[in-house]
Amino acid sequence: RLAADLSTGVGERLAVAVADGLHITLNSDSAVRLHLRGAARGIDLLRGEMLVWTESRPGMPELRVDTGYGELRAGQARFDLRRTARGARVGVYEGSVALLRGGAATYAEAGERLAFGGRGEIHRRASDPDRVAWADGLVVAKDWRLDYFAQYLARQRVGMIRVDPAVAGLRLSGVFPLDDAERALKALEPALPIRVTRHTQYWLQVSAREA
């Protein structure tokens, strides 16, 4: 974060208009560097995840985003971008973006998602607007594994959530609060054979419910 202009801690989110016609929302534990001098419009995503809305007007340059694994360029667009240690993914919800890598451009239109890593591979899939429900403090699960759901919630809190391997593969769907992992997990107890226990402020345990 020492190199960042904007950042969030674990469990924090930040929505800000960083320039005329450029709005970003940072998810938990994220950091960006801004390049906005003169006519430049650039963002480096240093870590984490962000939701971007950028406008296109006469004389306004394209937005450039350094993902760490290639550069995105966008005019009028709404998209989210997540960076991890293994690669990045961008989901487009309005407009289009171009991914530039190695002198080649790959385009993604609204309704598409690109996942790409350091080896040059690019995977195209459908984008899901529910993936950005985090910006409103929600998580929308659609046939998710329980261990993945717990991992997703864990990114929004300090501490750990342990899931017993015996129940890790259980599937779930629904809309849950993102900022209260204990409440979200306990909401599953009537539907799944699990028991949620809080051992300390920072440790939640999800185990099989005794018969």
Protein backbone atom coordinates (compact mmCIF):
# COMPACT_ATOMS: atom_id res chain seq x y z
CA ARG A 1 0.00 0.00 0.00
CA LEU A 2 2.99 2.33 0.29
CA ALA A 3 2.95 2.61 -3.51
CA ALA A 4 -0.83 3.10 -3.71
CA ASP A 5 -2.90 6.24 -4.08
CA LEU A 6 -6.06 4.50 -2.85
CA SER A 7 -6.38 1.32 -0.80
CA THR A 8 -8.73 -0.60 1.46
CA GLY A 9 -8.11 -2.83 4.43
CA VAL A 10 -9.65 -6.23 4.99
CA GLY A 11 -13.42 -5.81 5.26
CA GLU A 12 -13.41 -2.28 3.82
CA ARG A 13 -14.81 -1.01 0.51
CA LEU A 14 -14.31 2.38 -1.05
CA ALA A 15 -16.30 4.11 -3.83
CA VAL A 16 -14.82 7.28 -5.28
CA ALA A 17 -14.97 9.51 -8.37
CA VAL A 18 -11.25 9.74 -9.17
CA ALA A 19 -11.67 12.01 -12.21
CA ASP A 20 -14.34 13.50 -14.44
CA GLY A 21 -16.25 10.57 -15.90
CA LEU A 22 -14.23 7.96 -14.01
CA HIS A 23 -15.60 6.18 -10.95
CA ILE A 24 -14.11 3.18 -9.16
CA THR A 25 -15.14 1.02 -6.23
CA LEU A 26 -12.43 -0.94 -4.41
CA ASN A 27 -13.25 -4.24 -2.77
CA SER A 28 -11.72 -5.52 0.47
CA ASP A 29 -7.90 -5.56 0.71
CA SER A 30 -7.30 -3.78 -2.61
CA ALA A 31 -4.93 -1.07 -3.79
CA VAL A 32 -4.52 1.09 -6.90
CA ARG A 33 -2.11 3.66 -8.25
CA LEU A 34 -3.60 6.50 -10.33
CA HIS A 35 -2.13 8.25 -13.37
CA LEU A 36 -4.27 11.34 -13.93
CA ARG A 37 -1.84 14.13 -14.77
CA GLY A 38 -2.77 16.29 -17.75
CA ALA A 39 -4.94 14.32 -20.15
CA ALA A 40 -3.77 10.93 -18.88
CA ARG A 41 -6.35 8.50 -17.52
CA GLY A 42 -4.63 5.46 -16.06
CA ILE A 43 -5.00 3.03 -13.16
CA ASP A 44 -2.61 0.34 -11.92
CA LEU A 45 -4.41 -2.40 -9.99
CA LEU A 46 -1.73 -3.37 -7.49
CA ARG A 47 -3.79 -5.92 -5.61
CA GLY A 48 -7.36 -7.06 -5.06
CA GLU A 49 -10.48 -6.13 -6.98
CA MET A 50 -12.26 -3.07 -8.31
CA LEU A 51 -15.41 -2.08 -10.19
CA VAL A 52 -14.87 0.63 -12.83
CA TRP A 53 -17.28 2.91 -14.65
CA THR A 54 -15.71 5.15 -17.29
CA GLU A 55 -17.32 7.57 -19.72
CA SER A 56 -16.25 8.47 -23.24
CA ARG A 57 -16.55 12.09 -24.37
CA PRO A 58 -15.07 14.07 -27.28
CA GLY A 59 -11.41 14.79 -26.56
CA MET A 60 -11.31 12.41 -23.58
CA PRO A 61 -8.55 9.77 -23.87
CA GLU A 62 -9.17 6.08 -23.34
CA LEU A 63 -8.77 4.69 -19.88
CA ARG A 64 -5.70 2.48 -19.48
CA VAL A 65 -5.55 -0.11 -16.72
CA ASP A 66 -2.42 -2.08 -15.84
CA THR A 67 -3.56 -5.47 -14.54
CA GLY A 68 -0.09 -6.84 -13.91
CA TYR A 69 -0.72 -9.38 -16.69
CA GLY A 70 -1.53 -7.02 -19.54
CA GLU A 71 -3.09 -3.63 -20.21
CA LEU A 72 -6.81 -2.93 -20.54
CA ARG A 73 -8.14 -0.05 -22.61
CA ALA A 74 -11.70 1.20 -22.40
CA GLY A 75 -13.80 4.12 -23.59
CA GLN A 76 -17.41 3.99 -22.41
CA ALA A 77 -17.59 0.89 -20.21
CA ARG A 78 -18.51 -0.66 -16.89
CA PHE A 79 -16.36 -3.60 -15.81
CA ASP A 80 -14.82 -5.31 -12.82
CA LEU A 81 -11.24 -6.48 -12.52
CA ARG A 82 -9.63 -8.85 -10.03
CA ARG A 83 -5.91 -9.50 -9.72
CA THR A 84 -4.39 -12.49 -7.91
CA ALA A 85 -0.95 -14.06 -7.68
CA ARG A 86 -1.85 -16.39 -10.57
CA GLY A 87 -3.54 -14.03 -13.03
CA ALA A 88 -6.41 -11.65 -13.53
CA ARG A 89 -9.97 -11.61 -14.79
CA VAL A 90 -12.14 -8.84 -16.21
CA GLY A 91 -15.92 -8.98 -16.55
CA VAL A 92 -17.64 -6.48 -18.85
CA TYR A 93 -21.20 -5.30 -18.11
CA GLU A 94 -21.52 -2.24 -20.35
CA GLY A 95 -19.51 -1.18 -23.41
CA SER A 96 -16.33 -3.07 -24.25
CA VAL A 97 -12.68 -3.37 -23.24
CA ALA A 98 -9.51 -4.38 -25.07
CA LEU A 99 -6.81 -6.50 -23.47
CA LEU A 100 -3.36 -5.77 -24.92
CA ARG A 101 -0.62 -8.36 -24.42
CA GLY A 102 2.45 -9.02 -26.49
CA GLY A 103 1.36 -6.65 -29.24
CA ALA A 104 -1.98 -8.45 -29.72
CA ALA A 105 -5.43 -7.20 -28.72
CA THR A 106 -8.30 -9.32 -27.38
CA TYR A 107 -11.70 -7.64 -27.13
CA ALA A 108 -14.46 -8.34 -24.63
CA GLU A 109 -17.97 -6.98 -25.10
CA ALA A 110 -20.74 -6.52 -22.53
CA GLY A 111 -21.75 -9.94 -21.27
CA GLU A 112 -18.25 -11.43 -21.61
CA ARG A 113 -15.46 -12.20 -19.16
CA LEU A 114 -11.77 -12.79 -19.84
CA ALA A 115 -9.49 -14.73 -17.50
CA PHE A 116 -5.77 -14.51 -18.23
CA GLY A 117 -2.48 -15.39 -16.56
CA GLY A 118 1.24 -14.98 -16.94
CA ARG A 119 1.70 -17.75 -19.52
CA GLY A 120 -0.25 -16.00 -22.26
CA GLU A 121 -3.44 -18.04 -22.01
CA ILE A 122 -6.80 -16.26 -22.28
CA HIS A 123 -10.13 -17.89 -21.42
CA ARG A 124 -13.42 -16.31 -22.50
CA ARG A 125 -16.64 -16.94 -20.58
CA ALA A 126 -19.95 -15.22 -19.90
CA SER A 127 -19.90 -12.42 -17.34
CA ASP A 128 -22.38 -12.45 -14.46
CA PRO A 129 -23.62 -9.12 -13.04
CA ASP A 130 -24.23 -10.84 -9.72
CA ARG A 131 -20.45 -11.14 -9.31
CA VAL A 132 -20.31 -7.43 -8.47
CA ALA A 133 -22.97 -7.61 -5.74
CA TRP A 134 -20.03 -7.08 -3.35
CA ALA A 135 -20.20 -3.38 -4.21
CA ASP A 136 -23.60 -3.34 -2.45
CA GLY A 137 -22.42 -5.46 0.49
CA LEU A 138 -23.95 -8.70 -0.76
CA VAL A 139 -22.82 -12.05 -2.12
CA VAL A 140 -24.97 -13.97 -4.61
CA ALA A 141 -24.15 -17.67 -4.56
CA LYS A 142 -25.33 -19.92 -7.39
CA ASP A 143 -24.74 -23.60 -6.73
CA TRP A 144 -21.47 -22.83 -4.92
CA ARG A 145 -19.50 -25.32 -2.87
CA LEU A 146 -19.61 -24.57 0.84
CA ASP A 147 -15.83 -24.31 1.13
CA TYR A 148 -15.71 -21.79 -1.75
CA PHE A 149 -18.51 -19.77 -0.11
CA ALA A 150 -16.57 -19.68 3.15
CA GLN A 151 -13.39 -18.68 1.32
CA TYR A 152 -15.26 -15.83 -0.39
CA LEU A 153 -16.62 -14.57 2.94
CA ALA A 154 -13.17 -14.86 4.51
CA ARG A 155 -11.79 -12.24 2.12
CA GLN A 156 -14.02 -9.69 3.85
CA ARG A 157 -12.94 -10.28 7.45
CA VAL A 158 -9.90 -10.54 9.68
CA GLY A 159 -9.44 -14.07 10.95
CA MET A 160 -10.18 -17.51 9.55
CA ILE A 161 -13.12 -19.70 8.61
CA ARG A 162 -12.43 -23.42 8.78
CA VAL A 163 -14.70 -25.86 6.95
CA ASP A 164 -14.69 -29.55 7.83
CA PRO A 165 -13.78 -31.61 4.73
CA ALA A 166 -16.86 -33.77 5.44
CA VAL A 167 -19.16 -30.87 4.48
CA ALA A 168 -16.89 -28.85 2.19
CA GLY A 169 -18.56 -30.14 -0.99
CA LEU A 170 -22.14 -29.30 -0.03
CA ARG A 171 -23.82 -26.98 -2.56
CA LEU A 172 -25.73 -23.80 -1.81
CA SER A 173 -27.51 -20.92 -3.53
CA GLY A 174 -28.91 -17.63 -2.25
CA VAL A 175 -28.22 -13.98 -1.42
CA PHE A 176 -26.27 -13.33 1.77
CA PRO A 177 -24.75 -10.39 3.68
CA LEU A 178 -21.10 -9.98 2.83
CA ASP A 179 -19.97 -8.19 5.99
CA ASP A 180 -21.27 -10.69 8.56
CA ALA A 181 -19.80 -14.11 7.81
CA GLU A 182 -21.25 -15.73 10.92
CA ARG A 183 -24.76 -14.57 10.05
CA ALA A 184 -24.37 -15.69 6.42
CA LEU A 185 -23.14 -19.15 7.40
CA LYS A 186 -25.74 -19.64 10.12
CA ALA A 187 -28.45 -18.86 7.57
CA LEU A 188 -27.46 -22.15 5.93
CA GLU A 189 -27.99 -24.29 9.03
CA PRO A 190 -31.72 -24.97 8.40
CA ALA A 191 -31.02 -26.15 4.84
CA LEU A 192 -27.67 -27.95 5.19
CA PRO A 193 -26.50 -30.55 7.73
CA ILE A 194 -23.93 -28.18 9.25
CA ARG A 195 -23.20 -26.45 12.52
CA VAL A 196 -21.45 -23.07 12.71
CA THR A 197 -19.41 -22.38 15.84
CA ARG A 198 -17.57 -19.21 16.79
CA HIS A 199 -14.56 -20.15 18.92
CA THR A 200 -13.14 -16.63 19.10
CA GLN A 201 -13.79 -13.25 17.48
CA TYR A 202 -11.50 -14.31 14.63
CA TRP A 203 -12.23 -18.03 14.26
CA LEU A 204 -15.38 -19.56 12.78
CA GLN A 205 -15.73 -23.33 12.42
CA VAL A 206 -18.18 -25.03 10.03
CA SER A 207 -18.63 -28.72 10.82
CA ALA A 208 -21.12 -31.52 10.26
CA ARG A 209 -24.23 -31.35 12.42
CA GLU A 210 -24.60 -34.26 14.77
CA ALA A 211 -27.54 -36.54 14.05
